[in-house]
Amino acid sequence: MRDLLGDLLGELATAVFGIFLIAWWLGGPAVTAIIWSEGDKEGAVQILAAWAIITTLYLTASWMIRRARRAG
């Protein structure tokens, strides 16, 4: 029963993380487009730049973690 509960919580965490990533990938450019259409081009570019930096850091960190797991 404890193993089943652990597996269930692991799957739930994976699903929540996946939904968050989908929202992140779609939300960053969408928010930028909304702000751009309202006329605040500088703010839109700043949000898009922040979104790109955070995405790059996430992808780099996940690559490094995967590489460390394979090596160890």
Protein backbone atom coordinates (compact mmCIF):
# COMPACT_ATOMS: atom_id res chain seq x y z
CA MET A 1 0.00 0.00 0.00
CA ARG A 2 2.84 2.37 0.85
CA ASP A 3 4.54 1.63 -2.49
CA LEU A 4 1.29 2.27 -4.34
CA LEU A 5 0.84 5.59 -2.57
CA GLY A 6 4.43 6.57 -3.34
CA ASP A 7 3.97 5.70 -7.01
CA LEU A 8 0.71 7.64 -7.13
CA LEU A 9 2.29 10.73 -5.59
CA GLY A 10 5.21 10.47 -8.00
CA GLU A 11 2.87 10.32 -10.98
CA LEU A 12 0.84 13.22 -9.62
CA ALA A 13 3.97 15.33 -9.18
CA THR A 14 5.07 14.50 -12.73
CA ALA A 15 1.65 15.49 -14.09
CA VAL A 16 1.60 18.79 -12.19
CA PHE A 17 5.13 19.58 -13.37
CA GLY A 18 4.16 18.75 -16.96
CA ILE A 19 1.13 21.02 -16.82
CA PHE A 20 3.31 23.78 -15.39
CA LEU A 21 5.82 23.37 -18.23
CA ILE A 22 3.10 23.50 -20.88
CA ALA A 23 1.69 26.65 -19.28
CA TRP A 24 5.20 28.11 -19.14
CA TRP A 25 5.95 27.40 -22.81
CA LEU A 26 2.64 28.84 -23.99
CA GLY A 27 2.27 31.56 -21.38
CA GLY A 28 5.54 33.43 -21.87
CA PRO A 29 5.01 34.35 -25.51
CA ALA A 30 1.27 34.84 -24.94
CA VAL A 31 1.82 37.40 -22.18
CA THR A 32 4.39 39.11 -24.38
CA ALA A 33 1.90 39.32 -27.25
CA ILE A 34 -0.80 40.76 -25.00
CA ILE A 35 1.51 43.43 -23.59
CA TRP A 36 2.88 44.21 -27.07
CA SER A 37 -0.64 44.69 -28.44
CA GLU A 38 -1.40 47.16 -25.66
CA GLY A 39 1.45 49.35 -26.91
CA ASP A 40 4.09 48.70 -24.23
CA LYS A 41 6.80 47.34 -26.50
CA GLU A 42 9.63 47.84 -24.02
CA GLY A 43 7.76 45.93 -21.30
CA ALA A 44 6.92 43.15 -23.75
CA VAL A 45 10.56 42.75 -24.75
CA GLN A 46 11.61 42.70 -21.08
CA ILE A 47 9.11 39.96 -20.26
CA LEU A 48 10.17 37.94 -23.29
CA ALA A 49 13.84 38.34 -22.32
CA ALA A 50 13.14 37.19 -18.76
CA TRP A 51 11.13 34.23 -20.09
CA ALA A 52 13.99 33.27 -22.42
CA ILE A 53 16.62 33.53 -19.67
CA ILE A 54 14.63 31.41 -17.22
CA THR A 55 13.91 28.84 -19.94
CA THR A 56 17.60 28.68 -20.87
CA LEU A 57 18.62 28.22 -17.24
CA TYR A 58 16.05 25.44 -16.80
CA LEU A 59 17.17 23.60 -19.93
CA THR A 60 20.84 23.92 -18.97
CA ALA A 61 20.20 22.70 -15.42
CA SER A 62 18.12 19.73 -16.59
CA TRP A 63 20.82 18.77 -19.11
CA MET A 64 23.51 18.94 -16.42
CA ILE A 65 21.41 16.87 -13.99
CA ARG A 66 20.77 14.20 -16.65
CA ARG A 67 24.46 14.09 -17.51
CA ALA A 68 25.44 13.77 -13.84
CA ARG A 69 22.95 10.92 -13.32
CA ARG A 70 24.30 9.02 -16.31
CA ALA A 71 27.89 9.47 -15.11
CA GLY A 72 27.18 8.47 -11.54
